Amino acid sequence: MVLDIPNGMLDPAGYTSAELVLHEPDRDVVRSASLVDGAFDFGRIDPSASVAIEATLRNDSGAAVGYGRTSVAAAFAGGAEIIVPVRRPIAYIAGTVSRDIGDEQTTVLSWTEVPATFSDLSIGASLDGNTQLGAQVVMMIAAGPSLYQVTQATSDPAGVLTGAATVTPVSTADHAIGSPLPAELTGSVLDGAGSDDGGTLAIGTSAQLFAVDAAAGSARALVPGSFARVAILASDTGELTAIAIRDRVPTNGPCAATAELWWAPLGAAGAPAHRIATGGFADLATDRGHAYYVDACTGELGEVTESATRALRTIVGKPTALAVSNGQAYVGLEGQPDTTSLVVASLTSADPPRVLWSEGAAQVLEVIDLPEVQRKLDSTSVVISHLEVGAGGDYVALTTNAHFFAPALIQVRFPEMTIDSEELRVFDAATGGTVQRYRSWCDGFLTIDTGDIEDWACATTPGQATAATAELEHHIQSLAFQFGKK
């Protein structure tokens, strides 16, 4: 068995041990070994006609500094060679920037594209926006050992993505940008997913659900409509299917059971796409040959098949985000007006969900010249925008978007305030401890009256990192983990 690394500057480093999980049809076999003379001795492993493998490289403290898995099950027999690609656990966020270029009486937004930002969890550095990738990136898509960026223009003043979207491969050895694929996508890009073999992408836009063949550079339209959530399901024999939600209802408003769940084979000769069900579907996830959903209206966590949905359990609250890894469902909950939570629920037992994190959204604004003068804002709404599991279940990451409004306080000359903030949070999936907390955006509008205090800034909270300069801030439109699960 070969643990394959890219042989570049982004190779996993500092590992002293490795852990294997061999998924056989009737059991999981777990082995670990220390590094000796550049190799690992896992002892005898019994032959198997079908085994899928996950490999995790760990440092002396046990933290994952590399992770990978096979894309399909293979035979493990004498004389066989199985290659497991392994990459650093890196989380990527990408999006756009909005700036007010109006005067004191008029708000005029100008939107621009910016580079993606990434967090290399194997080195533990705090984010400040300076770890950048690409030039005009609105989405990053991880596909097994491969990585892709999506670029698209923005429009003023609404910031809607417009024009053709282009997909470009990115090296996981050194983050070098390759040549754009010939395929161009129509509609505003909303979500994307990649296959574990790195060769196929499913991308949802406001106009179509697309299948992208990375080797051929071609795109094929599967279903018309607005697709805001997409996941890829792989069968034991390697057939790929896109599971997608059309007409997803915004989760910070009244519940409406009008979202459509679609099943779309990605093979060129596959059966046509078809709708499976209509409901309050908010998010999707796939893992080890199974696809799952959460319904924000019913609280249902269930499984998707080619012809139907099947409820597995009910999650108390309003589930709006989902990621799954090895029998554990990570569910994001929105409790309006201002609370978000992350729970872990077993897919194989009836054990009650475990709360990893729960917090009410709040933002403090301070006077720039007098930081001791502050105003605490409570949010009017907060949503979980993205959720993904990394390093085979060691990490779970989410992004949130919170909206704040505060009326004017004429007694102390505080103006009316409308503020939006966005954050990336990465948690230790076992303990719920915060590994990374990065505020990528905090800005808004002040309705200034005569005599009001004019110059305000967003304050930070303990443990929160922010962009080093305002030029490095951006809205988060996508989250992708190298070898992640969504």
Protein backbone atom coordinates (compact mmCIF):
# COMPACT_ATOMS: atom_id res chain seq x y z
CA MET A 1 0.00 0.00 0.00
CA VAL A 2 1.37 3.40 -1.05
CA LEU A 3 0.47 6.62 0.76
CA ASP A 4 0.87 9.02 -2.14
CA ILE A 5 1.77 12.69 -1.53
CA PRO A 6 2.13 15.44 -4.17
CA ASN A 7 5.94 15.87 -3.80
CA GLY A 8 5.75 19.64 -3.43
CA MET A 9 5.78 22.42 -0.88
CA LEU A 10 2.33 21.38 0.37
CA ASP A 11 3.34 17.82 1.25
CA PRO A 12 2.18 16.67 4.71
CA ALA A 13 5.03 17.28 7.15
CA GLY A 14 5.86 16.56 10.77
CA TYR A 15 4.05 13.20 10.87
CA THR A 16 5.37 10.47 13.13
CA SER A 17 2.54 7.94 12.90
CA ALA A 18 -0.22 6.81 10.59
CA GLU A 19 -3.69 5.43 11.15
CA LEU A 20 -5.57 3.24 8.69
CA VAL A 21 -9.27 2.47 8.59
CA LEU A 22 -10.10 -0.38 6.22
CA HIS A 23 -13.81 -0.45 5.40
CA GLU A 24 -14.69 -4.02 4.48
CA PRO A 25 -18.24 -5.15 3.60
CA ASP A 26 -18.93 -6.58 7.06
CA ARG A 27 -16.52 -4.73 9.34
CA ASP A 28 -14.01 -1.90 9.80
CA VAL A 29 -10.39 -2.73 10.57
CA VAL A 30 -8.30 -0.04 12.30
CA ARG A 31 -4.51 -0.18 12.32
CA SER A 32 -1.85 2.30 13.43
CA ALA A 33 1.92 2.36 13.16
CA SER A 34 4.86 4.64 13.89
CA LEU A 35 7.15 5.97 11.19
CA VAL A 36 10.39 3.98 10.97
CA ASP A 37 12.95 4.66 8.21
CA GLY A 38 10.35 6.40 6.07
CA ALA A 39 7.79 3.58 6.18
CA PHE A 40 4.98 2.21 8.31
CA ASP A 41 4.62 -1.43 9.29
CA PHE A 42 0.94 -2.18 9.91
CA GLY A 43 1.49 -5.89 10.36
CA ARG A 44 -0.46 -8.55 8.54
CA ILE A 45 -3.72 -7.44 6.94
CA ASP A 46 -6.03 -10.21 5.82
CA PRO A 47 -6.96 -10.29 2.14
CA SER A 48 -10.31 -8.78 1.19
CA ALA A 49 -12.26 -8.87 -2.05
CA SER A 50 -13.53 -5.33 -1.42
CA VAL A 51 -12.00 -2.71 0.84
CA ALA A 52 -12.07 1.09 0.94
CA ILE A 53 -9.24 2.74 2.84
CA GLU A 54 -8.85 5.94 4.83
CA ALA A 55 -5.36 7.03 5.94
CA THR A 56 -4.49 9.74 8.45
CA LEU A 57 -0.96 10.99 9.16
CA ARG A 58 -0.47 12.36 12.69
CA ASN A 59 2.23 14.30 14.50
CA ASP A 60 3.56 13.66 18.01
CA SER A 61 0.57 15.39 19.60
CA GLY A 62 -1.89 13.27 17.61
CA ALA A 63 -3.12 16.08 15.36
CA ALA A 64 -3.92 15.18 11.76
CA VAL A 65 -1.34 16.67 9.38
CA GLY A 66 -2.38 14.57 6.37
CA TYR A 67 -5.46 12.66 5.28
CA GLY A 68 -6.68 10.77 2.24
CA ARG A 69 -8.87 7.94 1.04
CA THR A 70 -9.42 5.66 -1.92
CA SER A 71 -12.15 6.69 -4.33
CA VAL A 72 -13.63 3.20 -4.76
CA ALA A 73 -13.40 -0.15 -3.02
CA ALA A 74 -10.67 -2.43 -4.35
CA ALA A 75 -9.41 -5.95 -3.81
CA PHE A 76 -6.72 -6.28 -1.14
CA ALA A 77 -4.82 -9.45 -1.99
CA GLY A 78 -1.28 -10.74 -2.21
CA GLY A 79 0.70 -8.94 -4.91
CA ALA A 80 -1.81 -6.09 -5.22
CA GLU A 81 -0.87 -2.44 -4.86
CA ILE A 82 -3.34 0.10 -3.53
CA ILE A 83 -2.51 3.80 -3.76
CA VAL A 84 -4.05 6.14 -1.20
CA PRO A 85 -3.56 9.84 -2.07
CA VAL A 86 -2.88 11.90 1.07
CA ARG A 87 -3.08 15.69 1.39
CA ARG A 88 -2.77 18.30 4.12
CA PRO A 89 -6.02 19.26 5.90
CA ILE A 90 -6.53 22.68 4.32
CA ALA A 91 -9.81 24.62 4.43
CA TYR A 92 -10.53 27.17 1.68
CA ILE A 93 -13.01 30.06 1.72
CA ALA A 94 -13.79 32.23 -1.28
CA GLY A 95 -16.16 35.03 -2.17
CA THR A 96 -16.44 38.69 -3.12
CA VAL A 97 -16.09 42.16 -1.62
CA SER A 98 -18.64 45.00 -1.43
CA ARG A 99 -17.53 48.57 -0.79
CA ASP A 100 -19.65 51.69 -0.28
CA ILE A 101 -18.48 54.31 -2.77
CA GLY A 102 -21.40 56.70 -2.14
CA ASP A 103 -21.46 59.89 -0.07
CA GLU A 104 -22.91 60.47 3.40
CA GLN A 105 -26.47 60.65 2.05
CA THR A 106 -26.29 57.91 -0.60
CA THR A 107 -25.29 54.24 -0.44
CA VAL A 108 -23.68 52.95 -3.65
CA LEU A 109 -22.09 49.50 -3.54
CA SER A 110 -19.25 48.44 -5.78
CA TRP A 111 -18.57 44.68 -5.94
CA THR A 112 -15.27 43.04 -6.86
CA GLU A 113 -13.79 39.55 -6.92
CA VAL A 114 -10.86 38.69 -4.63
CA PRO A 115 -8.42 35.80 -4.08
CA ALA A 116 -9.49 32.82 -1.99
CA THR A 117 -8.22 32.53 1.58
CA PHE A 118 -7.07 29.25 3.09
CA SER A 119 -6.30 27.81 6.53
CA ASP A 120 -3.65 25.09 6.66
CA LEU A 121 -4.69 23.21 9.80
CA SER A 122 -1.51 21.12 9.78
CA ILE A 123 0.60 24.14 10.79
CA GLY A 124 -1.81 25.80 13.21
CA ALA A 125 -1.32 29.38 12.04
CA SER A 126 -4.05 31.91 12.76
CA LEU A 127 -5.79 33.41 9.75
CA ASP A 128 -5.39 37.08 8.85
CA GLY A 129 -6.41 37.02 5.19
CA ASN A 130 -2.86 36.97 3.86
CA THR A 131 -2.85 33.30 2.90
CA GLN A 132 -4.29 33.81 -0.55
CA LEU A 133 -4.86 31.79 -3.68
CA GLY A 134 -5.88 32.81 -7.20
CA ALA A 135 -7.01 36.24 -8.31
CA GLN A 136 -10.79 36.44 -8.82
CA VAL A 137 -12.11 33.37 -7.02
CA VAL A 138 -15.79 33.07 -6.09
CA MET A 139 -15.73 29.35 -5.25
CA MET A 140 -13.26 26.60 -4.36
CA ILE A 141 -14.16 22.95 -5.00
CA ALA A 142 -12.18 20.08 -3.51
CA ALA A 143 -12.41 16.77 -5.37
CA GLY A 144 -10.49 14.06 -3.53
CA PRO A 145 -6.79 14.79 -4.11
CA SER A 146 -7.62 17.52 -6.65
CA LEU A 147 -8.61 21.15 -6.25
CA TYR A 148 -10.45 23.60 -8.52
CA GLN A 149 -11.30 27.29 -8.45
CA VAL A 150 -14.33 28.93 -10.05
CA THR A 151 -14.14 32.50 -11.30
CA GLN A 152 -17.04 34.72 -12.33
CA ALA A 153 -17.71 38.45 -12.64
CA THR A 154 -19.90 40.42 -10.25
CA SER A 155 -22.47 43.11 -10.96
CA ASP A 156 -23.20 46.43 -9.20
CA PRO A 157 -25.01 47.34 -7.05
CA ALA A 158 -26.52 43.97 -5.99
CA GLY A 159 -23.35 41.86 -6.21
CA VAL A 160 -24.98 39.13 -8.28
CA LEU A 161 -22.49 36.88 -10.07
CA THR A 162 -22.90 37.37 -13.79
CA GLY A 163 -21.51 36.20 -17.11
CA ALA A 164 -19.86 32.86 -17.81
CA ALA A 165 -18.26 31.00 -14.89
CA THR A 166 -14.90 29.33 -15.53
CA VAL A 167 -13.38 26.30 -13.77
CA THR A 168 -9.59 26.07 -13.34
CA PRO A 169 -7.50 23.29 -11.73
CA VAL A 170 -5.21 24.22 -8.85
CA SER A 171 -2.17 22.15 -7.90
CA THR A 172 -2.35 20.54 -4.46
CA ALA A 173 1.45 20.32 -4.50
CA ASP A 174 2.13 24.08 -4.53
CA HIS A 175 -1.16 25.92 -5.26
CA ALA A 176 -0.02 26.76 -8.79
CA ILE A 177 -2.95 27.80 -10.99
CA GLY A 178 -3.44 25.71 -14.13
CA SER A 179 -5.14 26.51 -17.40
CA PRO A 180 -8.90 27.17 -17.36
CA LEU A 181 -11.09 24.33 -18.62
CA PRO A 182 -12.81 25.09 -21.95
CA ALA A 183 -16.24 24.58 -20.40
CA GLU A 184 -18.14 27.69 -19.32
CA LEU A 185 -21.15 27.64 -17.00
CA THR A 186 -24.22 29.86 -17.20
CA GLY A 187 -26.05 31.38 -14.26
CA SER A 188 -24.70 32.63 -10.94
CA VAL A 189 -22.59 29.93 -9.29
CA LEU A 190 -24.21 28.75 -6.03
CA ASP A 191 -22.60 25.46 -4.91
CA GLY A 192 -20.28 22.73 -6.11
CA ALA A 193 -18.92 19.31 -5.17
CA GLY A 194 -16.19 17.02 -6.47
CA SER A 195 -15.74 13.26 -6.79
CA ASP A 196 -13.11 11.42 -4.76
CA ASP A 197 -11.24 10.42 -7.92
CA GLY A 198 -10.79 14.10 -8.74
CA GLY A 199 -12.22 13.85 -12.24
CA THR A 200 -15.83 14.98 -11.96
CA LEU A 201 -17.53 18.06 -10.56
CA ALA A 202 -21.20 18.83 -9.98
CA ILE A 203 -21.92 22.56 -9.94
CA GLY A 204 -25.22 24.26 -9.19
CA THR A 205 -25.99 27.71 -10.55
CA SER A 206 -29.05 29.93 -10.59
CA ALA A 207 -29.85 28.55 -14.06
CA GLN A 208 -28.69 24.90 -14.23
CA LEU A 209 -27.21 21.87 -12.53
CA PHE A 210 -24.01 20.99 -14.41
CA ALA A 211 -21.71 17.98 -14.62
CA VAL A 212 -18.10 18.92 -15.40
CA ASP A 213 -15.64 16.37 -16.81
CA ALA A 214 -12.27 17.73 -15.67
CA ALA A 215 -10.21 15.53 -17.99
CA ALA A 216 -12.17 16.47 -21.10
CA GLY A 217 -12.80 20.03 -19.94
CA SER A 218 -16.46 19.73 -20.87
CA ALA A 219 -19.66 20.67 -19.06
CA ARG A 220 -23.04 19.04 -19.49
CA ALA A 221 -26.31 20.64 -18.36
CA LEU A 222 -28.35 18.17 -16.31
CA VAL A 223 -31.42 20.01 -15.03
CA PRO A 224 -32.62 23.62 -15.44
CA GLY A 225 -33.37 25.67 -12.37
CA SER A 226 -31.67 27.22 -9.35
CA PHE A 227 -29.57 24.66 -7.42
CA ALA A 228 -28.15 26.00 -4.14
CA ARG A 229 -26.97 22.68 -2.62
CA VAL A 230 -25.09 19.91 -4.41
CA ALA A 231 -23.38 16.69 -3.28
CA ILE A 232 -21.87 13.74 -5.18
CA LEU A 233 -22.77 10.15 -4.35
CA ALA A 234 -20.38 7.36 -5.41
CA SER A 235 -21.50 3.73 -5.61
CA ASP A 236 -19.24 0.82 -4.61
CA THR A 237 -18.41 0.32 -8.27
CA GLY A 238 -17.66 3.97 -8.96
CA GLU A 239 -20.84 5.26 -10.62
CA LEU A 240 -21.41 8.91 -9.71
CA THR A 241 -24.69 10.71 -9.04
CA ALA A 242 -25.37 14.33 -8.15
CA ILE A 243 -27.87 14.86 -5.35
CA ALA A 244 -29.11 18.45 -5.42
CA ILE A 245 -31.70 20.82 -3.99
CA ARG A 246 -33.60 23.05 -6.41
CA ASP A 247 -35.36 26.22 -5.22
CA ARG A 248 -33.99 26.05 -1.68
CA VAL A 249 -35.94 28.38 0.58
CA PRO A 250 -33.87 30.89 2.64
CA THR A 251 -33.64 29.50 6.16
CA ASN A 252 -33.96 32.82 7.99
CA GLY A 253 -37.57 33.25 6.91
CA PRO A 254 -40.82 31.32 7.29
CA CYS A 255 -40.55 27.62 6.61
CA ALA A 256 -41.83 26.59 3.19
CA ALA A 257 -41.90 22.98 2.05
CA THR A 258 -41.35 23.86 -1.61
CA ALA A 259 -37.72 22.82 -2.14
CA GLU A 260 -37.14 19.98 -4.61
CA LEU A 261 -34.72 17.10 -4.11
CA TRP A 262 -33.16 15.88 -7.39
CA TRP A 263 -31.24 12.75 -8.44
CA ALA A 264 -28.95 13.24 -11.47
CA PRO A 265 -26.57 10.51 -12.74
CA LEU A 266 -23.29 12.07 -13.83
CA GLY A 267 -22.19 9.47 -16.38
CA ALA A 268 -22.57 10.54 -20.01
CA ALA A 269 -24.79 7.54 -20.73
CA GLY A 270 -26.64 7.70 -17.43
CA ALA A 271 -30.39 7.82 -16.96
CA PRO A 272 -32.04 11.25 -17.08
CA ALA A 273 -32.27 13.28 -13.89
CA HIS A 274 -35.49 13.12 -11.93
CA ARG A 275 -37.12 14.74 -8.93
CA ILE A 276 -37.36 12.55 -5.84
CA ALA A 277 -39.42 14.65 -3.43
CA THR A 278 -40.58 18.13 -2.43
CA GLY A 279 -40.22 19.44 1.12
CA GLY A 280 -38.33 21.78 3.39
CA PHE A 281 -34.95 20.41 2.29
CA ALA A 282 -32.10 22.61 3.50
CA ASP A 283 -28.90 20.62 2.94
CA LEU A 284 -27.39 17.36 1.67
CA ALA A 285 -24.42 15.14 2.46
CA THR A 286 -22.95 11.88 1.15
CA ASP A 287 -20.67 9.30 2.73
CA ARG A 288 -19.62 5.74 1.87
CA GLY A 289 -22.29 5.09 -0.72
CA HIS A 290 -25.19 6.77 1.08
CA ALA A 291 -26.83 10.17 0.70
CA TYR A 292 -28.55 12.12 3.47
CA TYR A 293 -30.67 15.25 3.90
CA VAL A 294 -32.06 17.56 6.57
CA ASP A 295 -35.50 19.14 6.38
CA ALA A 296 -35.74 22.54 8.09
CA CYS A 297 -39.54 22.36 8.29
CA THR A 298 -39.90 18.95 9.93
CA GLY A 299 -36.53 18.62 11.70
CA GLU A 300 -36.02 15.39 9.82
CA LEU A 301 -32.60 13.83 9.23
CA GLY A 302 -33.03 11.18 6.56
CA GLU A 303 -31.55 9.13 3.75
CA VAL A 304 -32.01 9.68 0.02
CA THR A 305 -32.32 6.83 -2.48
CA GLU A 306 -32.92 6.93 -6.21
CA SER A 307 -36.67 6.73 -5.73
CA ALA A 308 -37.55 8.02 -2.27
CA THR A 309 -36.53 9.61 1.02
CA ARG A 310 -36.51 7.77 4.34
CA ALA A 311 -36.58 9.48 7.73
CA LEU A 312 -33.87 8.29 10.14
CA ARG A 313 -34.43 10.53 13.15
CA THR A 314 -35.77 13.92 14.20
CA ILE A 315 -33.41 16.68 15.29
CA VAL A 316 -34.86 19.08 17.85
CA GLY A 317 -34.58 22.60 16.46
CA LYS A 318 -34.28 23.88 12.91
CA PRO A 319 -31.63 21.87 11.01
CA THR A 320 -30.27 23.83 8.05
CA ALA A 321 -26.78 22.41 7.41
CA LEU A 322 -25.40 18.88 7.20
CA ALA A 323 -22.13 16.97 6.82
CA VAL A 324 -21.58 13.23 7.37
CA SER A 325 -18.51 11.14 8.14
CA ASN A 326 -18.38 7.46 9.13
CA GLY A 327 -21.82 7.13 10.67
CA GLN A 328 -21.80 10.55 12.37
CA ALA A 329 -24.03 13.37 11.12
CA TYR A 330 -22.91 16.91 11.91
CA VAL A 331 -26.02 19.09 11.90
CA GLY A 332 -26.12 22.87 11.99
CA LEU A 333 -29.15 24.38 13.74
CA GLU A 334 -30.51 27.90 13.44
CA GLY A 335 -32.48 29.28 16.37
CA GLN A 336 -33.85 32.65 15.37
CA PRO A 337 -33.31 35.39 15.86
CA ASP A 338 -29.71 35.01 16.90
CA THR A 339 -28.49 31.53 17.89
CA THR A 340 -26.63 28.90 15.90
CA SER A 341 -25.64 25.44 17.13
CA LEU A 342 -23.71 22.41 15.92
CA VAL A 343 -24.71 18.92 17.07
CA VAL A 344 -23.45 15.42 16.30
CA ALA A 345 -26.06 12.70 15.77
CA SER A 346 -25.41 9.01 15.21
CA LEU A 347 -26.81 7.47 12.04
CA THR A 348 -26.51 3.95 13.47
CA SER A 349 -28.05 4.34 16.93
CA ALA A 350 -30.77 6.22 18.78
CA ASP A 351 -28.31 7.94 21.14
CA PRO A 352 -29.27 11.57 21.77
CA PRO A 353 -27.31 14.14 19.73
CA ARG A 354 -24.22 15.67 21.32
CA VAL A 355 -23.90 19.47 21.28
CA LEU A 356 -20.50 20.55 19.97
CA TRP A 357 -21.14 24.29 20.00
CA SER A 358 -23.94 26.79 20.52
CA GLU A 359 -23.72 30.56 20.59
CA GLY A 360 -25.81 33.68 20.24
CA ALA A 361 -24.54 36.12 17.64
CA ALA A 362 -23.36 39.49 18.91
CA GLN A 363 -21.13 42.24 17.63
CA VAL A 364 -19.51 45.12 19.47
CA LEU A 365 -18.78 48.40 17.69
CA GLU A 366 -16.25 50.80 19.13
CA VAL A 367 -15.43 54.42 18.43
CA ILE A 368 -12.19 54.49 16.45
CA ASP A 369 -10.60 57.34 18.41
CA LEU A 370 -12.14 56.27 21.73
CA PRO A 371 -12.20 52.44 21.80
CA GLU A 372 -13.48 52.50 25.37
CA VAL A 373 -16.76 53.85 23.95
CA GLN A 374 -18.59 50.79 22.68
CA ARG A 375 -22.02 49.58 21.65
CA LYS A 376 -23.08 45.92 21.76
CA LEU A 377 -25.41 44.85 18.95
CA ASP A 378 -27.63 41.77 19.07
CA SER A 379 -28.39 40.13 15.74
CA THR A 380 -31.74 40.19 14.00
CA SER A 381 -30.85 37.03 12.05
CA VAL A 382 -27.99 34.57 11.72
CA VAL A 383 -27.62 31.70 9.26
CA ILE A 384 -25.17 28.85 8.74
CA SER A 385 -23.97 29.27 5.18
CA HIS A 386 -21.68 26.23 4.81
CA LEU A 387 -20.74 23.10 6.77
CA GLU A 388 -18.06 20.53 5.98
CA VAL A 389 -16.05 17.78 7.71
CA GLY A 390 -12.27 17.56 7.23
CA ALA A 391 -9.49 15.05 7.83
CA GLY A 392 -11.90 12.13 7.92
CA GLY A 393 -13.80 13.49 10.90
CA ASP A 394 -11.06 15.16 12.95
CA TYR A 395 -12.30 18.65 12.07
CA VAL A 396 -15.66 20.18 11.29
CA ALA A 397 -15.90 23.68 9.80
CA LEU A 398 -18.81 26.04 9.30
CA THR A 399 -19.40 29.60 8.17
CA THR A 400 -22.03 31.95 9.53
CA ASN A 401 -23.60 35.17 8.31
CA ALA A 402 -25.17 37.48 10.89
CA HIS A 403 -27.21 40.66 10.43
CA PHE A 404 -27.42 43.37 13.11
CA PHE A 405 -29.63 46.43 13.43
CA ALA A 406 -29.66 49.00 16.21
CA PRO A 407 -31.77 52.18 16.33
CA ALA A 408 -30.26 55.57 16.98
CA LEU A 409 -29.64 56.60 20.59
CA ILE A 410 -29.90 60.36 20.43
CA GLN A 411 -29.04 60.79 24.12
CA VAL A 412 -25.46 59.58 23.54
CA ARG A 413 -25.22 60.48 19.84
CA PHE A 414 -25.10 56.89 18.64
CA PRO A 415 -26.35 56.70 15.03
CA GLU A 416 -28.67 54.08 13.61
CA MET A 417 -26.55 51.05 12.70
CA THR A 418 -26.99 48.23 10.17
CA ILE A 419 -24.10 45.76 10.27
CA ASP A 420 -23.33 42.38 8.65
CA SER A 421 -20.58 40.02 9.76
CA GLU A 422 -19.33 36.67 8.46
CA GLU A 423 -17.12 34.09 10.15
CA LEU A 424 -15.31 30.82 9.52
CA ARG A 425 -15.12 28.50 12.51
CA VAL A 426 -13.19 25.22 12.64
CA PHE A 427 -13.82 22.85 15.56
CA ASP A 428 -12.15 19.76 16.91
CA ALA A 429 -14.87 17.23 16.11
CA ALA A 430 -14.14 15.12 19.19
CA THR A 431 -14.17 17.87 21.82
CA GLY A 432 -15.89 20.85 20.20
CA GLY A 433 -12.85 23.00 20.95
CA THR A 434 -12.25 25.90 18.59
CA VAL A 435 -9.29 25.36 16.27
CA GLN A 436 -9.86 28.43 14.10
CA ARG A 437 -12.18 31.41 14.38
CA TYR A 438 -11.80 33.96 11.61
CA ARG A 439 -14.05 36.94 10.94
CA SER A 440 -13.81 37.51 7.22
CA TRP A 441 -16.24 40.43 7.05
CA CYS A 442 -17.77 43.09 9.30
CA ASP A 443 -19.21 46.22 7.72
CA GLY A 444 -22.44 48.10 7.24
CA PHE A 445 -24.13 51.46 7.16
CA LEU A 446 -24.56 54.23 9.70
CA THR A 447 -27.40 56.72 9.38
CA ILE A 448 -25.60 59.79 10.62
CA ASP A 449 -27.51 62.75 12.04
CA THR A 450 -26.05 66.10 13.05
CA GLY A 451 -23.74 65.71 16.01
CA ASP A 452 -23.64 61.89 15.91
CA ILE A 453 -20.40 60.00 16.49
CA GLU A 454 -19.32 59.11 12.95
CA ASP A 455 -16.20 56.90 13.06
CA TRP A 456 -16.89 53.38 14.30
CA ALA A 457 -15.10 50.03 13.88
CA CYS A 458 -16.02 46.39 14.52
CA ALA A 459 -14.34 45.16 17.70
CA THR A 460 -12.96 41.63 18.06
CA THR A 461 -13.82 39.10 20.74
CA PRO A 462 -11.34 36.84 22.59
CA GLY A 463 -10.03 34.10 20.32
CA GLN A 464 -11.32 35.76 17.16
CA ALA A 465 -8.89 36.56 14.33
CA THR A 466 -9.65 39.13 11.65
CA ALA A 467 -8.22 40.27 8.37
CA ALA A 468 -4.97 42.18 8.78
CA THR A 469 -6.33 45.05 6.66
CA ALA A 470 -9.73 46.02 5.28
CA GLU A 471 -8.48 45.14 1.78
CA LEU A 472 -8.23 41.48 2.85
CA GLU A 473 -11.84 41.18 4.08
CA HIS A 474 -14.41 39.37 1.95
CA HIS A 475 -17.85 37.78 1.95
CA ILE A 476 -17.77 33.97 2.14
CA GLN A 477 -19.56 32.29 -0.76
CA SER A 478 -17.94 28.86 -0.50
CA LEU A 479 -16.15 26.56 1.94
CA ALA A 480 -14.11 23.55 0.80
CA PHE A 481 -11.89 21.12 2.71
CA GLN A 482 -9.11 19.18 1.00
CA PHE A 483 -10.55 15.64 1.06
CA GLY A 484 -13.58 17.05 2.86
CA LYS A 485 -17.02 15.55 3.28
CA LYS A 486 -20.20 17.58 2.84
